[in-house]
């Protein structure tokens, strides 16, 4: 039982670290994209959407583990 708890704890730490990296990337993409001058199909918009979806996936997974 203790080994399982340690493994889950390590997994949560890794996921949170990944989440932090993705949020920093999102901030960089978001800041780099000037909303008035960037089309919806631009690299920046696509990257922003990809990061938002990945962040949400990690959040959902963390919530599932913590429940």
Protein backbone atom coordinates (compact mmCIF):
# COMPACT_ATOMS: atom_id res chain seq x y z
CA UNK A 1 0.00 0.00 0.00
CA UNK A 2 2.80 2.41 0.90
CA UNK A 3 4.58 1.80 -2.42
CA UNK A 4 1.38 2.57 -4.30
CA UNK A 5 0.95 5.85 -2.39
CA UNK A 6 4.54 6.85 -3.12
CA UNK A 7 4.10 6.01 -6.81
CA UNK A 8 0.87 8.04 -7.02
CA UNK A 9 2.53 10.94 -5.21
CA UNK A 10 5.46 10.92 -7.64
CA UNK A 11 3.06 10.73 -10.58
CA UNK A 12 1.12 13.75 -9.28
CA UNK A 13 4.37 15.71 -8.84
CA UNK A 14 5.39 14.94 -12.41
CA UNK A 15 1.97 15.92 -13.75
CA UNK A 16 1.99 19.17 -11.79
CA UNK A 17 5.47 19.94 -13.13
CA UNK A 18 4.21 19.30 -16.65
CA UNK A 19 1.19 21.49 -15.97
CA UNK A 20 3.48 24.33 -14.81
CA UNK A 21 5.58 24.05 -17.97
CA UNK A 22 2.49 24.13 -20.17
CA UNK A 23 1.10 27.18 -18.37
CA UNK A 24 4.41 29.03 -18.88
CA UNK A 25 4.35 28.10 -22.57
CA UNK A 26 0.76 29.29 -22.79
CA UNK A 27 1.69 32.65 -21.27
CA UNK A 28 4.51 33.03 -23.81
CA UNK A 29 2.25 32.16 -26.73
CA UNK A 30 -0.54 34.34 -25.42
CA UNK A 31 1.76 37.31 -24.94
CA UNK A 32 3.39 36.85 -28.32
CA UNK A 33 0.07 36.83 -30.14
CA UNK A 34 -1.42 40.26 -30.66
CA UNK A 35 -5.15 39.47 -30.76
CA UNK A 36 -5.90 42.30 -33.22
CA UNK A 37 -3.35 41.14 -35.79
CA UNK A 38 -3.44 37.34 -35.53
CA UNK A 39 -5.90 35.26 -37.53
CA UNK A 40 -7.74 32.28 -36.08
CA UNK A 41 -5.72 29.87 -38.23
CA UNK A 42 -2.30 31.24 -37.33
CA UNK A 43 0.41 29.21 -35.65
CA UNK A 44 -0.06 31.21 -32.45
CA UNK A 45 -3.79 30.53 -32.24
CA UNK A 46 -3.32 26.83 -32.98
CA UNK A 47 -0.57 26.56 -30.38
CA UNK A 48 -2.72 28.43 -27.85
CA UNK A 49 -5.61 26.01 -28.40
CA UNK A 50 -3.30 22.99 -28.18
CA UNK A 51 -1.85 24.20 -24.88
CA UNK A 52 -5.27 24.95 -23.41
CA UNK A 53 -6.46 21.44 -24.27
CA UNK A 54 -3.32 19.83 -22.85
CA UNK A 55 -3.57 21.86 -19.63
CA UNK A 56 -7.22 20.83 -19.27
CA UNK A 57 -6.32 17.16 -19.86
CA UNK A 58 -3.70 17.26 -17.10
CA UNK A 59 -6.06 19.07 -14.71
CA UNK A 60 -8.74 16.45 -15.32
CA UNK A 61 -6.26 13.63 -14.77
CA UNK A 62 -5.03 15.20 -11.53
CA UNK A 63 -8.58 15.62 -10.28
CA UNK A 64 -9.25 11.96 -11.04
CA UNK A 65 -6.21 10.85 -9.06
CA UNK A 66 -6.94 13.12 -6.11
CA UNK A 67 -10.58 12.16 -5.75
